[in-house]
Protein backbone atom coordinates (compact mmCIF):
# COMPACT_ATOMS: atom_id res chain seq x y z
CA UNK A 1 0.00 0.00 0.00
CA UNK A 2 1.45 3.35 -0.99
CA UNK A 3 1.64 6.35 1.28
CA UNK A 4 -0.93 9.07 0.81
CA UNK A 5 -0.25 12.78 0.65
CA UNK A 6 -0.73 14.09 4.20
CA UNK A 7 -3.51 16.60 4.90
CA UNK A 8 -5.06 18.88 5.54
CA UNK A 9 -6.40 19.03 2.01
CA UNK A 10 -8.56 21.94 0.92
CA UNK A 11 -11.21 22.28 -1.76
CA UNK A 12 -11.73 25.25 -4.00
CA UNK A 13 -13.83 25.59 -7.11
CA UNK A 14 -11.54 23.63 -9.42
CA UNK A 15 -9.16 21.51 -7.41
CA UNK A 16 -8.25 19.75 -4.19
CA UNK A 17 -4.90 20.91 -2.87
CA UNK A 18 -2.53 19.35 -0.33
CA UNK A 19 -0.21 21.48 1.82
CA UNK A 20 2.83 20.23 -0.10
CA UNK A 21 1.46 21.75 -3.31
CA UNK A 22 0.10 18.55 -4.85
CA UNK A 23 -3.15 19.25 -6.66
CA UNK A 24 -5.99 17.00 -7.80
CA UNK A 25 -8.14 18.56 -10.47
CA UNK A 26 -11.84 17.83 -10.08
CA UNK A 27 -13.95 17.25 -13.16
CA UNK A 28 -16.89 19.39 -12.09
CA UNK A 29 -19.10 17.79 -14.72
CA UNK A 30 -18.68 14.40 -13.06
CA UNK A 31 -17.96 15.17 -9.40
CA UNK A 32 -20.32 16.78 -6.95
CA UNK A 33 -19.37 19.16 -4.16
CA UNK A 34 -19.98 16.27 -1.76
CA UNK A 35 -17.46 14.12 -3.67
CA UNK A 36 -14.85 16.87 -3.52
CA UNK A 37 -15.43 17.38 0.22
CA UNK A 38 -15.11 13.65 0.85
CA UNK A 39 -11.85 13.48 -1.10
CA UNK A 40 -10.47 16.50 0.77
CA UNK A 41 -11.48 14.96 4.11
CA UNK A 42 -9.80 11.62 3.32
CA UNK A 43 -6.57 12.26 5.30
CA UNK A 44 -8.58 13.46 8.32
CA UNK A 45 -10.93 10.48 8.13
CA UNK A 46 -8.03 8.05 7.81
CA UNK A 47 -6.28 9.56 10.83
CA UNK A 48 -9.48 9.50 12.91
CA UNK A 49 -10.18 5.87 11.99
CA UNK A 50 -6.62 4.84 12.80
CA UNK A 51 -6.85 6.56 16.20
CA UNK A 52 -10.17 4.90 17.05
CA UNK A 53 -8.86 1.51 15.94
CA UNK A 54 -5.67 1.88 18.01
CA UNK A 55 -7.65 2.81 21.09
CA UNK A 56 -10.23 0.06 20.57
CA UNK A 57 -7.50 -2.57 20.26
CA UNK A 58 -5.79 -1.27 23.42
CA UNK A 59 -9.14 -0.87 25.24
CA UNK A 60 -8.31 2.76 25.93
CA UNK A 61 -11.22 5.14 26.36
CA UNK A 62 -11.59 7.99 23.91
CA UNK A 63 -10.90 11.40 25.42
CA UNK A 64 -13.11 14.41 24.68
CA UNK A 65 -10.32 15.65 22.39
CA UNK A 66 -10.30 12.34 20.49
CA UNK A 67 -14.05 12.50 20.03
CA UNK A 68 -13.77 16.12 18.82
CA UNK A 69 -11.19 15.03 16.19
CA UNK A 70 -13.47 12.28 14.88
CA UNK A 71 -16.46 14.65 14.80
CA UNK A 72 -14.39 17.29 12.97
CA UNK A 73 -13.29 14.79 10.32
CA UNK A 74 -16.89 13.69 9.74
CA UNK A 75 -18.11 17.30 9.62
CA UNK A 76 -15.40 18.19 7.07
CA UNK A 77 -16.52 15.32 4.85
CA UNK A 78 -20.10 16.55 5.15
CA UNK A 79 -19.16 20.15 4.38
CA UNK A 80 -20.04 21.50 7.81
PDB file of N, CA and C in Angstrom:
ATOM      1  N   UNK A   1       0.842  -1.181   0.000  1.00  0.00           N
ATOM      2  CA  UNK A   1       0.000   0.000   0.000  1.00  0.00           C
ATOM      3  C   UNK A   1       0.883   1.238   0.000  1.00  0.00           C
ATOM      4  N   UNK A   2       0.617   2.155  -0.899  1.00  0.00           N
ATOM      5  CA  UNK A   2       1.447   3.351  -0.986  1.00  0.00           C
ATOM      6  C   UNK A   2       1.021   4.380   0.048  1.00  0.00           C
ATOM      7  N   UNK A   3       1.923   5.263   0.348  1.00  0.00           N
ATOM      8  CA  UNK A   3       1.641   6.346   1.281  1.00  0.00           C
ATOM      9  C   UNK A   3       0.765   7.380   0.597  1.00  0.00           C
ATOM     10  N   UNK A   4      -0.101   8.002   1.365  1.00  0.00           N
ATOM     11  CA  UNK A   4      -0.930   9.072   0.810  1.00  0.00           C
ATOM     12  C   UNK A   4      -0.279  10.418   1.107  1.00  0.00           C
ATOM     13  N   UNK A   5      -0.727  11.432   0.405  1.00  0.00           N
ATOM     14  CA  UNK A   5      -0.249  12.783   0.653  1.00  0.00           C
ATOM     15  C   UNK A   5      -0.915  13.280   1.919  1.00  0.00           C
ATOM     16  N   UNK A   6      -0.141  13.657   2.940  1.00  0.00           N
ATOM     17  CA  UNK A   6      -0.731  14.085   4.202  1.00  0.00           C
ATOM     18  C   UNK A   6      -1.609  15.326   4.037  1.00  0.00           C
ATOM     19  N   UNK A   7      -2.603  15.449   4.902  1.00  0.00           N
ATOM     20  CA  UNK A   7      -3.507  16.598   4.902  1.00  0.00           C
ATOM     21  C   UNK A   7      -2.935  17.724   5.727  1.00  0.00           C
ATOM     22  N   UNK A   8      -3.669  18.750   5.971  1.00  0.00           N
ATOM     23  CA  UNK A   8      -5.060  18.880   5.544  1.00  0.00           C
ATOM     24  C   UNK A   8      -5.154  19.262   4.076  1.00  0.00           C
ATOM     25  N   UNK A   9      -6.119  18.673   3.385  1.00  0.00           N
ATOM     26  CA  UNK A   9      -6.399  19.030   2.012  1.00  0.00           C
ATOM     27  C   UNK A   9      -7.516  20.055   2.008  1.00  0.00           C
ATOM     28  N   UNK A  10      -7.509  20.924   1.033  1.00  0.00           N
ATOM     29  CA  UNK A  10      -8.558  21.936   0.923  1.00  0.00           C
ATOM     30  C   UNK A  10      -9.219  21.835  -0.449  1.00  0.00           C
ATOM     31  N   UNK A  11     -10.445  22.307  -0.512  1.00  0.00           N
ATOM     32  CA  UNK A  11     -11.207  22.277  -1.756  1.00  0.00           C
ATOM     33  C   UNK A  11     -11.491  23.702  -2.180  1.00  0.00           C
ATOM     34  N   UNK A  12     -11.223  23.995  -3.447  1.00  0.00           N
ATOM     35  CA  UNK A  12     -11.727  25.246  -3.996  1.00  0.00           C
ATOM     36  C   UNK A  12     -12.542  24.872  -5.235  1.00  0.00           C
ATOM     37  N   UNK A  13     -12.898  25.817  -6.013  1.00  0.00           N
ATOM     38  CA  UNK A  13     -13.833  25.591  -7.114  1.00  0.00           C
ATOM     39  C   UNK A  13     -13.340  24.569  -8.138  1.00  0.00           C
ATOM     40  N   UNK A  14     -12.054  24.482  -8.353  1.00  0.00           N
ATOM     41  CA  UNK A  14     -11.545  23.632  -9.422  1.00  0.00           C
ATOM     42  C   UNK A  14     -10.640  22.491  -8.986  1.00  0.00           C
ATOM     43  N   UNK A  15     -10.121  22.537  -7.763  1.00  0.00           N
ATOM     44  CA  UNK A  15      -9.163  21.513  -7.406  1.00  0.00           C
ATOM     45  C   UNK A  15      -9.162  21.231  -5.911  1.00  0.00           C
ATOM     46  N   UNK A  16      -8.512  20.123  -5.573  1.00  0.00           N
ATOM     47  CA  UNK A  16      -8.253  19.749  -4.188  1.00  0.00           C
ATOM     48  C   UNK A  16      -6.748  19.878  -4.020  1.00  0.00           C
ATOM     49  N   UNK A  17      -6.318  20.634  -3.020  1.00  0.00           N
ATOM     50  CA  UNK A  17      -4.900  20.907  -2.869  1.00  0.00           C
ATOM     51  C   UNK A  17      -4.392  20.432  -1.519  1.00  0.00           C
ATOM     52  N   UNK A  18      -3.219  19.791  -1.544  1.00  0.00           N
ATOM     53  CA  UNK A  18      -2.532  19.355  -0.329  1.00  0.00           C
ATOM     54  C   UNK A  18      -1.539  20.440   0.081  1.00  0.00           C
ATOM     55  N   UNK A  19      -1.136  20.450   1.358  1.00  0.00           N
ATOM     56  CA  UNK A  19      -0.212  21.481   1.823  1.00  0.00           C
ATOM     57  C   UNK A  19       1.135  21.462   1.116  1.00  0.00           C
ATOM     58  N   UNK A  20       1.535  20.306   0.578  1.00  0.00           N
ATOM     59  CA  UNK A  20       2.828  20.233  -0.103  1.00  0.00           C
ATOM     60  C   UNK A  20       2.763  20.724  -1.546  1.00  0.00           C
ATOM     61  N   UNK A  21       1.606  21.217  -1.967  1.00  0.00           N
ATOM     62  CA  UNK A  21       1.456  21.752  -3.313  1.00  0.00           C
ATOM     63  C   UNK A  21       0.863  20.782  -4.311  1.00  0.00           C
ATOM     64  N   UNK A  22       0.746  19.496  -3.949  1.00  0.00           N
ATOM     65  CA  UNK A  22       0.096  18.545  -4.848  1.00  0.00           C
ATOM     66  C   UNK A  22      -1.352  18.959  -5.065  1.00  0.00           C
ATOM     67  N   UNK A  23      -1.806  18.825  -6.294  1.00  0.00           N
ATOM     68  CA  UNK A  23      -3.150  19.253  -6.656  1.00  0.00           C
ATOM     69  C   UNK A  23      -3.864  18.134  -7.392  1.00  0.00           C
ATOM     70  N   UNK A  24      -5.134  17.920  -7.051  1.00  0.00           N
ATOM     71  CA  UNK A  24      -5.988  17.004  -7.799  1.00  0.00           C
ATOM     72  C   UNK A  24      -7.067  17.847  -8.459  1.00  0.00           C
ATOM     73  N   UNK A  25      -7.107  17.820  -9.769  1.00  0.00           N
ATOM     74  CA  UNK A  25      -8.141  18.559 -10.471  1.00  0.00           C
ATOM     75  C   UNK A  25      -9.437  17.772 -10.398  1.00  0.00           C
ATOM     76  N   UNK A  26     -10.531  18.467 -10.193  1.00  0.00           N
ATOM     77  CA  UNK A  26     -11.839  17.834 -10.076  1.00  0.00           C
ATOM     78  C   UNK A  26     -12.622  18.120 -11.347  1.00  0.00           C
ATOM     79  N   UNK A  27     -13.100  17.080 -11.980  1.00  0.00           N
ATOM     80  CA  UNK A  27     -13.949  17.247 -13.156  1.00  0.00           C
ATOM     81  C   UNK A  27     -15.337  17.630 -12.643  1.00  0.00           C
ATOM     82  N   UNK A  28     -15.640  18.913 -12.677  1.00  0.00           N
ATOM     83  CA  UNK A  28     -16.891  19.394 -12.092  1.00  0.00           C
ATOM     84  C   UNK A  28     -18.114  18.831 -12.790  1.00  0.00           C
ATOM     85  N   UNK A  29     -17.969  18.379 -14.020  1.00  0.00           N
ATOM     86  CA  UNK A  29     -19.105  17.792 -14.723  1.00  0.00           C
ATOM     87  C   UNK A  29     -19.443  16.408 -14.167  1.00  0.00           C
ATOM     88  N   UNK A  30     -18.464  15.758 -13.543  1.00  0.00           N
ATOM     89  CA  UNK A  30     -18.683  14.396 -13.060  1.00  0.00           C
ATOM     90  C   UNK A  30     -18.653  14.281 -11.550  1.00  0.00           C
ATOM     91  N   UNK A  31     -18.092  15.254 -10.859  1.00  0.00           N
ATOM     92  CA  UNK A  31     -17.959  15.174  -9.399  1.00  0.00           C
ATOM     93  C   UNK A  31     -18.835  16.228  -8.740  1.00  0.00           C
ATOM     94  N   UNK A  32     -19.497  15.832  -7.690  1.00  0.00           N
ATOM     95  CA  UNK A  32     -20.323  16.776  -6.953  1.00  0.00           C
ATOM     96  C   UNK A  32     -19.484  17.467  -5.881  1.00  0.00           C
ATOM     97  N   UNK A  33     -20.040  18.508  -5.295  1.00  0.00           N
ATOM     98  CA  UNK A  33     -19.367  19.162  -4.163  1.00  0.00           C
ATOM     99  C   UNK A  33     -19.146  18.160  -3.043  1.00  0.00           C
ATOM    100  N   UNK A  34     -20.114  17.272  -2.821  1.00  0.00           N
ATOM    101  CA  UNK A  34     -19.983  16.269  -1.763  1.00  0.00           C
ATOM    102  C   UNK A  34     -18.801  15.343  -2.043  1.00  0.00           C
ATOM    103  N   UNK A  35     -18.611  14.965  -3.317  1.00  0.00           N
ATOM    104  CA  UNK A  35     -17.464  14.120  -3.669  1.00  0.00           C
ATOM    105  C   UNK A  35     -16.155  14.838  -3.364  1.00  0.00           C
ATOM    106  N   UNK A  36     -16.070  16.102  -3.749  1.00  0.00           N
ATOM    107  CA  UNK A  36     -14.850  16.874  -3.517  1.00  0.00           C
ATOM    108  C   UNK A  36     -14.572  17.012  -2.021  1.00  0.00           C
ATOM    109  N   UNK A  37     -15.620  17.274  -1.239  1.00  0.00           N
ATOM    110  CA  UNK A  37     -15.426  17.380   0.221  1.00  0.00           C
ATOM    111  C   UNK A  37     -14.943  16.059   0.808  1.00  0.00           C
ATOM    112  N   UNK A  38     -15.508  14.958   0.337  1.00  0.00           N
ATOM    113  CA  UNK A  38     -15.106  13.650   0.851  1.00  0.00           C
ATOM    114  C   UNK A  38     -13.649  13.359   0.514  1.00  0.00           C
ATOM    115  N   UNK A  39     -13.244  13.674  -0.712  1.00  0.00           N
ATOM    116  CA  UNK A  39     -11.849  13.478  -1.104  1.00  0.00           C
ATOM    117  C   UNK A  39     -10.932  14.346  -0.234  1.00  0.00           C
ATOM    118  N   UNK A  40     -11.306  15.599  -0.032  1.00  0.00           N
ATOM    119  CA  UNK A  40     -10.470  16.501   0.771  1.00  0.00           C
ATOM    120  C   UNK A  40     -10.399  16.059   2.224  1.00  0.00           C
ATOM    121  N   UNK A  41     -11.450  15.411   2.712  1.00  0.00           N
ATOM    122  CA  UNK A  41     -11.476  14.958   4.111  1.00  0.00           C
ATOM    123  C   UNK A  41     -10.782  13.615   4.302  1.00  0.00           C
ATOM    124  N   UNK A  42     -10.375  12.952   3.223  1.00  0.00           N
ATOM    125  CA  UNK A  42      -9.799  11.617   3.320  1.00  0.00           C
ATOM    126  C   UNK A  42      -8.641  11.496   4.319  1.00  0.00           C
ATOM    127  N   UNK A  43      -7.651  12.403   4.315  1.00  0.00           N
ATOM    128  CA  UNK A  43      -6.573  12.257   5.301  1.00  0.00           C
ATOM    129  C   UNK A  43      -7.079  12.380   6.738  1.00  0.00           C
ATOM    130  N   UNK A  44      -8.031  13.280   6.969  1.00  0.00           N
ATOM    131  CA  UNK A  44      -8.579  13.456   8.319  1.00  0.00           C
ATOM    132  C   UNK A  44      -9.362  12.215   8.750  1.00  0.00           C
ATOM    133  N   UNK A  45     -10.149  11.675   7.822  1.00  0.00           N
ATOM    134  CA  UNK A  45     -10.933  10.481   8.127  1.00  0.00           C
ATOM    135  C   UNK A  45     -10.030   9.283   8.392  1.00  0.00           C
ATOM    136  N   UNK A  46      -8.977   9.139   7.597  1.00  0.00           N
ATOM    137  CA  UNK A  46      -8.028   8.046   7.810  1.00  0.00           C
ATOM    138  C   UNK A  46      -7.382   8.169   9.183  1.00  0.00           C
ATOM    139  N   UNK A  47      -6.926   9.351   9.529  1.00  0.00           N
ATOM    140  CA  UNK A  47      -6.281   9.561  10.827  1.00  0.00           C
ATOM    141  C   UNK A  47      -7.246   9.269  11.977  1.00  0.00           C
ATOM    142  N   UNK A  48      -8.488   9.727  11.853  1.00  0.00           N
ATOM    143  CA  UNK A  48      -9.483   9.499  12.905  1.00  0.00           C
ATOM    144  C   UNK A  48      -9.773   8.006  13.049  1.00  0.00           C
ATOM    145  N   UNK A  49      -9.920   7.316  11.942  1.00  0.00           N
ATOM    146  CA  UNK A  49     -10.184   5.874  11.992  1.00  0.00           C
ATOM    147  C   UNK A  49      -9.009   5.117  12.600  1.00  0.00           C
ATOM    148  N   UNK A  50      -7.798   5.503  12.234  1.00  0.00           N
ATOM    149  CA  UNK A  50      -6.616   4.842  12.798  1.00  0.00           C
ATOM    150  C   UNK A  50      -6.541   5.059  14.310  1.00  0.00           C
ATOM    151  N   UNK A  51      -6.876   6.268  14.779  1.00  0.00           N
ATOM    152  CA  UNK A  51      -6.850   6.555  16.202  1.00  0.00           C
ATOM    153  C   UNK A  51      -7.889   5.718  16.938  1.00  0.00           C
ATOM    154  N   UNK A  52      -9.104   5.672  16.402  1.00  0.00           N
ATOM    155  CA  UNK A  52     -10.171   4.903  17.051  1.00  0.00           C
ATOM    156  C   UNK A  52      -9.801   3.422  17.082  1.00  0.00           C
ATOM    157  N   UNK A  53      -9.267   2.909  15.978  1.00  0.00           N
ATOM    158  CA  UNK A  53      -8.860   1.510  15.936  1.00  0.00           C
ATOM    159  C   UNK A  53      -7.785   1.217  16.973  1.00  0.00           C
ATOM    160  N   UNK A  54      -6.762   2.073  17.045  1.00  0.00           N
ATOM    161  CA  UNK A  54      -5.672   1.881  18.005  1.00  0.00           C
ATOM    162  C   UNK A  54      -6.205   1.854  19.433  1.00  0.00           C
ATOM    163  N   UNK A  55      -7.113   2.761  19.736  1.00  0.00           N
ATOM    164  CA  UNK A  55      -7.650   2.813  21.095  1.00  0.00           C
ATOM    165  C   UNK A  55      -8.574   1.626  21.372  1.00  0.00           C
ATOM    166  N   UNK A  56      -9.336   1.204  20.376  1.00  0.00           N
ATOM    167  CA  UNK A  56     -10.231   0.065  20.565  1.00  0.00           C
ATOM    168  C   UNK A  56      -9.427  -1.207  20.826  1.00  0.00           C
ATOM    169  N   UNK A  57      -8.338  -1.387  20.090  1.00  0.00           N
ATOM    170  CA  UNK A  57      -7.499  -2.567  20.260  1.00  0.00           C
ATOM    171  C   UNK A  57      -6.854  -2.557  21.649  1.00  0.00           C
ATOM    172  N   UNK A  58      -6.458  -1.387  22.118  1.00  0.00           N
ATOM    173  CA  UNK A  58      -5.793  -1.269  23.424  1.00  0.00           C
ATOM    174  C   UNK A  58      -6.796  -1.117  24.567  1.00  0.00           C
ATOM    175  N   UNK A  59      -8.078  -1.081  24.252  1.00  0.00           N
ATOM    176  CA  UNK A  59      -9.140  -0.869  25.242  1.00  0.00           C
ATOM    177  C   UNK A  59      -8.957   0.433  26.010  1.00  0.00           C
ATOM    178  N   UNK A  60      -8.465   1.445  25.321  1.00  0.00           N
ATOM    179  CA  UNK A  60      -8.311   2.758  25.933  1.00  0.00           C
ATOM    180  C   UNK A  60      -9.551   3.589  25.632  1.00  0.00           C
ATOM    181  N   UNK A  61     -10.051   4.303  26.627  1.00  0.00           N
ATOM    182  CA  UNK A  61     -11.224   5.141  26.359  1.00  0.00           C
ATOM    183  C   UNK A  61     -10.853   6.358  25.503  1.00  0.00           C
ATOM    184  N   UNK A  62     -11.791   6.779  24.695  1.00  0.00           N
ATOM    185  CA  UNK A  62     -11.591   7.994  23.908  1.00  0.00           C
ATOM    186  C   UNK A  62     -11.717   9.204  24.824  1.00  0.00           C
ATOM    187  N   UNK A  63     -10.831  10.156  24.645  1.00  0.00           N
ATOM    188  CA  UNK A  63     -10.902  11.395  25.417  1.00  0.00           C
ATOM    189  C   UNK A  63     -11.846  12.357  24.696  1.00  0.00           C
ATOM    190  N   UNK A  64     -12.294  13.405  25.374  1.00  0.00           N
ATOM    191  CA  UNK A  64     -13.106  14.405  24.676  1.00  0.00           C
ATOM    192  C   UNK A  64     -12.390  14.983  23.456  1.00  0.00           C
ATOM    193  N   UNK A  65     -11.078  15.151  23.533  1.00  0.00           N
ATOM    194  CA  UNK A  65     -10.319  15.648  22.394  1.00  0.00           C
ATOM    195  C   UNK A  65     -10.331  14.670  21.231  1.00  0.00           C
ATOM    196  N   UNK A  66     -10.233  13.364  21.534  1.00  0.00           N
ATOM    197  CA  UNK A  66     -10.298  12.340  20.491  1.00  0.00           C
ATOM    198  C   UNK A  66     -11.652  12.374  19.790  1.00  0.00           C
ATOM    199  N   UNK A  67     -12.700  12.463  20.581  1.00  0.00           N
ATOM    200  CA  UNK A  67     -14.054  12.505  20.028  1.00  0.00           C
ATOM    201  C   UNK A  67     -14.232  13.752  19.166  1.00  0.00           C
ATOM    202  N   UNK A  68     -13.678  14.874  19.598  1.00  0.00           N
ATOM    203  CA  UNK A  68     -13.772  16.115  18.816  1.00  0.00           C
ATOM    204  C   UNK A  68     -13.060  15.959  17.470  1.00  0.00           C
ATOM    205  N   UNK A  69     -11.908  15.258  17.441  1.00  0.00           N
ATOM    206  CA  UNK A  69     -11.195  15.032  16.187  1.00  0.00           C
ATOM    207  C   UNK A  69     -12.019  14.197  15.214  1.00  0.00           C
ATOM    208  N   UNK A  70     -12.639  13.143  15.729  1.00  0.00           N
ATOM    209  CA  UNK A  70     -13.465  12.281  14.885  1.00  0.00           C
ATOM    210  C   UNK A  70     -14.659  13.071  14.352  1.00  0.00           C
ATOM    211  N   UNK A  71     -15.316  13.834  15.230  1.00  0.00           N
ATOM    212  CA  UNK A  71     -16.463  14.645  14.797  1.00  0.00           C
ATOM    213  C   UNK A  71     -16.048  15.679  13.751  1.00  0.00           C
ATOM    214  N   UNK A  72     -14.871  16.284  13.924  1.00  0.00           N
ATOM    215  CA  UNK A  72     -14.391  17.289  12.974  1.00  0.00           C
ATOM    216  C   UNK A  72     -14.121  16.665  11.611  1.00  0.00           C
ATOM    217  N   UNK A  73     -13.556  15.463  11.591  1.00  0.00           N
ATOM    218  CA  UNK A  73     -13.287  14.789  10.321  1.00  0.00           C
ATOM    219  C   UNK A  73     -14.591  14.462   9.595  1.00  0.00           C
ATOM    220  N   UNK A  74     -15.582  13.993  10.341  1.00  0.00           N
ATOM    221  CA  UNK A  74     -16.888  13.690   9.741  1.00  0.00           C
ATOM    222  C   UNK A  74     -17.541  14.966   9.231  1.00  0.00           C
ATOM    223  N   UNK A  75     -17.493  16.023  10.025  1.00  0.00           N
ATOM    224  CA  UNK A  75     -18.107  17.303   9.623  1.00  0.00           C
ATOM    225  C   UNK A  75     -17.435  17.847   8.357  1.00  0.00           C
ATOM    226  N   UNK A  76     -16.110  17.716   8.258  1.00  0.00           N
ATOM    227  CA  UNK A  76     -15.401  18.189   7.069  1.00  0.00           C
ATOM    228  C   UNK A  76     -15.879  17.428   5.838  1.00  0.00           C
ATOM    229  N   UNK A  77     -16.042  16.121   5.973  1.00  0.00           N
ATOM    230  CA  UNK A  77     -16.518  15.320   4.849  1.00  0.00           C
ATOM    231  C   UNK A  77     -17.931  15.700   4.449  1.00  0.00           C
ATOM    232  N   UNK A  78     -18.715  16.158   5.420  1.00  0.00           N
ATOM    233  CA  UNK A  78     -20.096  16.550   5.152  1.00  0.00           C
ATOM    234  C   UNK A  78     -20.237  18.020   4.778  1.00  0.00           C
ATOM    235  N   UNK A  79     -19.130  18.743   4.762  1.00  0.00           N
ATOM    236  CA  UNK A  79     -19.164  20.152   4.378  1.00  0.00           C
ATOM    237  C   UNK A  79     -19.701  21.071   5.452  1.00  0.00           C
ATOM    238  N   UNK A  80     -19.571  20.660   6.696  1.00  0.00           N
ATOM    239  CA  UNK A  80     -20.037  21.499   7.807  1.00  0.00           C
ATOM    240  C   UNK A  80     -18.860  22.111   8.524  1.00  0.00           C
TER     241      UNK A  80
END
